[in-house]
């Protein structure tokens, strides 16, 4: 057996092992789109915050659903964040589904289910923790908490997909920790983590795997 044939067989075995244990059909372009959505959401959030500061509005969780929409910046930002999340998830699903179909692979497999579970557990805990921060009016820690828990979710899920996801998670978690020392600049860190980091991650994934 020639050396080239031997190396080719090793690559084939490694590919089969990855397919059986990891979900490798994540779309890099979905990461780019998620980053773009996050930057647009950040711009809208910035406008909402500035308008609220000019009018002296300040909401806490106990008033979240008892205050009129036009006087409720917290609810407005939550709706924007939820819209960004929905668009990112829907885009990721359809682009990943298209990539999987292109390579004759299924979207819902044991590795992909494990990926979702290991991603959602830290993210769900982070969501409840963020609501607790809002409850006690610790607004300045909301963005850091979101970045840290999202980063932990990516790191936790990376073992079931491509390793690039781990670096995205580390970047977001580190940005979140740094943000704890710069309270009041959360929106900028939010844009950097969910926006710029996602675009860089998606571009790397696209050029390295999608092409």
Protein backbone atom coordinates (compact mmCIF):
# COMPACT_ATOMS: atom_id res chain seq x y z
CA UNK A 1 0.00 0.00 0.00
CA UNK A 2 1.45 3.38 -1.03
CA UNK A 3 1.85 6.21 1.45
CA UNK A 4 -0.71 8.34 -0.40
CA UNK A 5 -3.28 5.54 -0.31
CA UNK A 6 -2.59 4.98 3.40
CA UNK A 7 -3.10 8.68 4.19
CA UNK A 8 -6.25 8.74 2.09
CA UNK A 9 -7.67 5.80 4.06
CA UNK A 10 -6.86 7.53 7.35
CA UNK A 11 -8.67 10.68 6.19
CA UNK A 12 -11.69 8.58 5.18
CA UNK A 13 -11.78 6.82 8.56
CA UNK A 14 -11.47 10.14 10.38
CA UNK A 15 -14.30 11.60 8.27
CA UNK A 16 -16.56 8.65 9.06
CA UNK A 17 -15.80 8.93 12.78
CA UNK A 18 -16.58 12.66 12.76
CA UNK A 19 -19.88 12.07 10.97
CA UNK A 20 -20.90 9.47 13.55
CA UNK A 21 -20.04 11.58 16.61
CA UNK A 22 -20.27 15.20 15.43
CA UNK A 23 -22.81 17.29 13.54
CA UNK A 24 -20.64 18.85 10.82
CA UNK A 25 -23.30 20.45 8.60
CA UNK A 26 -23.49 23.78 10.43
CA UNK A 27 -23.63 26.57 7.87
CA UNK A 28 -20.96 29.24 8.08
CA UNK A 29 -23.19 31.72 6.27
CA UNK A 30 -25.79 31.37 9.04
CA UNK A 31 -23.15 32.68 11.46
CA UNK A 32 -22.53 35.68 9.22
CA UNK A 33 -26.26 36.41 8.99
CA UNK A 34 -26.68 36.03 12.77
CA UNK A 35 -23.92 38.60 13.24
CA UNK A 36 -25.59 41.01 10.83
CA UNK A 37 -28.93 40.60 12.62
CA UNK A 38 -27.20 41.28 15.95
CA UNK A 39 -25.57 44.47 14.66
CA UNK A 40 -28.91 45.71 13.34
CA UNK A 41 -30.53 44.84 16.67
CA UNK A 42 -27.74 46.67 18.51
CA UNK A 43 -28.35 49.79 16.44
CA UNK A 44 -32.08 49.65 17.21
CA UNK A 45 -31.33 49.02 20.90
CA UNK A 46 -28.97 52.01 20.96
CA UNK A 47 -31.73 54.23 19.59
CA UNK A 48 -34.21 52.91 22.19
CA UNK A 49 -31.77 53.52 25.06
CA UNK A 50 -30.94 57.05 23.92
CA UNK A 51 -34.61 57.94 23.60
CA UNK A 52 -35.29 56.49 27.06
CA UNK A 53 -32.41 58.48 28.59
CA UNK A 54 -33.69 61.71 27.06
CA UNK A 55 -37.18 61.14 28.49
CA UNK A 56 -35.95 59.79 31.85
CA UNK A 57 -37.65 56.41 31.44
CA UNK A 58 -36.44 53.49 33.57
CA UNK A 59 -38.20 50.15 33.88
CA UNK A 60 -37.70 47.08 36.04
CA UNK A 61 -39.08 43.56 35.60
CA UNK A 62 -42.05 44.13 37.89
CA UNK A 63 -43.26 46.94 35.58
CA UNK A 64 -42.34 45.15 32.36
CA UNK A 65 -45.89 44.19 31.40
CA UNK A 66 -47.73 46.97 33.21
CA UNK A 67 -46.20 49.95 31.38
CA UNK A 68 -47.35 51.32 28.03
CA UNK A 69 -45.27 50.19 25.03
CA UNK A 70 -44.05 53.68 24.10
CA UNK A 71 -42.87 54.24 27.70
CA UNK A 72 -41.37 50.78 28.18
CA UNK A 73 -37.78 50.65 26.82
CA UNK A 74 -37.04 47.36 28.60
CA UNK A 75 -39.88 45.58 26.82
CA UNK A 76 -38.88 47.18 23.50
CA UNK A 77 -35.31 45.91 23.84
CA UNK A 78 -36.51 42.44 24.86
CA UNK A 79 -38.73 42.29 21.77
CA UNK A 80 -35.83 43.38 19.55
CA UNK A 81 -33.54 40.77 21.15
CA UNK A 82 -36.19 38.07 20.71
CA UNK A 83 -36.69 39.07 17.06
CA UNK A 84 -32.93 38.85 16.45
CA UNK A 85 -32.86 35.41 18.08
CA UNK A 86 -35.80 34.12 16.01
CA UNK A 87 -34.33 35.40 12.72
CA UNK A 88 -30.91 33.92 13.56
CA UNK A 89 -32.38 30.51 14.48
CA UNK A 90 -34.67 30.35 11.42
CA UNK A 91 -31.84 31.38 9.10
CA UNK A 92 -29.45 28.87 10.70
CA UNK A 93 -32.00 26.07 10.35
CA UNK A 94 -32.73 26.61 6.66
CA UNK A 95 -29.10 27.21 5.63
CA UNK A 96 -27.91 24.21 7.65
CA UNK A 97 -30.70 22.08 6.18
CA UNK A 98 -29.65 23.14 2.68
CA UNK A 99 -26.00 22.32 3.40
CA UNK A 100 -26.93 18.92 4.85
CA UNK A 101 -29.07 18.11 1.80
CA UNK A 102 -26.21 19.09 -0.49
CA UNK A 103 -23.99 16.49 1.21
CA UNK A 104 -26.79 13.90 1.47
CA UNK A 105 -26.91 14.17 5.25
CA UNK A 106 -29.80 14.42 7.70
CA UNK A 107 -30.32 17.43 9.96
CA UNK A 108 -31.76 15.54 12.93
CA UNK A 109 -29.28 12.89 13.99
CA UNK A 110 -27.98 11.75 17.37
CA UNK A 111 -25.01 14.19 17.22
CA UNK A 112 -27.25 17.13 16.24
CA UNK A 113 -29.73 16.34 19.04
CA UNK A 114 -26.86 16.14 21.54
CA UNK A 115 -25.57 19.44 20.13
CA UNK A 116 -28.92 21.18 20.73
CA UNK A 117 -29.29 19.76 24.24
CA UNK A 118 -25.76 20.69 25.35
CA UNK A 119 -26.23 24.16 23.86
CA UNK A 120 -29.65 24.83 25.37
CA UNK A 121 -28.89 23.80 28.98
CA UNK A 122 -26.37 26.60 29.76
CA UNK A 123 -28.36 29.03 27.61
CA UNK A 124 -31.62 28.34 29.49
CA UNK A 125 -29.89 28.76 32.86
CA UNK A 126 -28.43 32.03 31.59
CA UNK A 127 -31.88 33.23 30.49
CA UNK A 128 -33.33 32.74 33.99
CA UNK A 129 -30.25 34.36 35.55
CA UNK A 130 -30.67 37.35 33.23
CA UNK A 131 -34.33 37.69 34.28
CA UNK A 132 -33.18 37.71 37.92
CA UNK A 133 -30.77 40.54 37.10
CA UNK A 134 -33.63 42.49 35.55
CA UNK A 135 -35.80 41.75 38.59
CA UNK A 136 -33.27 43.43 40.88
CA UNK A 137 -32.63 46.22 38.36
CA UNK A 138 -29.01 45.14 37.75
CA UNK A 139 -29.26 46.29 34.15
CA UNK A 140 -25.51 46.80 33.75
CA UNK A 141 -24.86 43.08 34.24
CA UNK A 142 -27.42 41.87 31.69
CA UNK A 143 -25.17 42.12 28.62
CA UNK A 144 -22.15 40.52 30.37
CA UNK A 145 -24.34 37.66 31.63
CA UNK A 146 -25.78 37.04 28.17
CA UNK A 147 -22.32 36.94 26.62
CA UNK A 148 -20.84 34.68 29.29
CA UNK A 149 -23.68 32.14 29.27
CA UNK A 150 -23.88 32.13 25.47
CA UNK A 151 -20.13 31.55 25.36
CA UNK A 152 -20.43 28.68 27.83
CA UNK A 153 -23.26 27.20 25.74
CA UNK A 154 -21.08 27.27 22.60
CA UNK A 155 -18.12 25.73 24.46
CA UNK A 156 -20.37 23.02 25.91
CA UNK A 157 -21.86 22.19 22.50
CA UNK A 158 -18.56 22.30 20.56
CA UNK A 159 -17.77 18.68 21.40
CA UNK A 160 -20.63 17.64 19.11
CA UNK A 161 -19.80 19.85 16.13
CA UNK A 162 -16.89 21.62 14.46
CA UNK A 163 -14.17 22.93 16.78
CA UNK A 164 -14.50 26.48 15.46
CA UNK A 165 -17.61 26.88 17.63
CA UNK A 166 -15.42 26.57 20.73
CA UNK A 167 -13.42 29.65 19.73
CA UNK A 168 -16.63 31.61 19.18
CA UNK A 169 -17.73 30.61 22.69
CA UNK A 170 -14.40 31.58 24.25
CA UNK A 171 -14.48 34.96 22.51
CA UNK A 172 -18.00 35.76 23.73
CA UNK A 173 -17.31 34.56 27.29
CA UNK A 174 -14.11 36.62 27.53
CA UNK A 175 -15.89 39.70 26.18
CA UNK A 176 -18.60 39.17 28.79
CA UNK A 177 -16.06 39.00 31.60
CA UNK A 178 -14.31 42.15 30.36
CA UNK A 179 -17.69 43.87 30.13
CA UNK A 180 -18.20 43.36 33.89
CA UNK A 181 -15.43 45.92 34.39
CA UNK A 182 -16.98 48.42 31.97
CA UNK A 183 -20.57 48.67 33.15
CA UNK A 184 -22.59 50.98 30.94
CA UNK A 185 -20.96 49.83 27.71
CA UNK A 186 -22.88 46.57 27.49
CA UNK A 187 -24.48 47.34 24.13
CA UNK A 188 -21.05 47.80 22.53
CA UNK A 189 -19.79 44.50 23.96
CA UNK A 190 -23.07 42.85 22.92
CA UNK A 191 -22.53 44.09 19.36
CA UNK A 192 -18.90 42.93 19.41
CA UNK A 193 -19.74 39.46 20.73
CA UNK A 194 -23.00 38.59 19.02
CA UNK A 195 -22.29 40.72 15.96
CA UNK A 196 -18.64 40.96 14.98
CA UNK A 197 -17.51 37.64 16.51
CA UNK A 198 -20.35 35.83 14.74
CA UNK A 199 -19.47 37.40 11.40
CA UNK A 200 -15.79 36.42 11.79
CA UNK A 201 -16.74 32.91 12.94
CA UNK A 202 -19.21 32.49 10.07
CA UNK A 203 -16.71 33.73 7.48
CA UNK A 204 -14.06 31.30 8.75
CA UNK A 205 -16.57 28.42 8.73
CA UNK A 206 -17.73 29.31 5.22
CA UNK A 207 -14.27 29.49 3.69
CA UNK A 208 -12.95 26.48 5.59
CA UNK A 209 -15.88 24.06 5.32
CA UNK A 210 -18.76 25.32 3.17
CA UNK A 211 -16.66 25.92 0.06
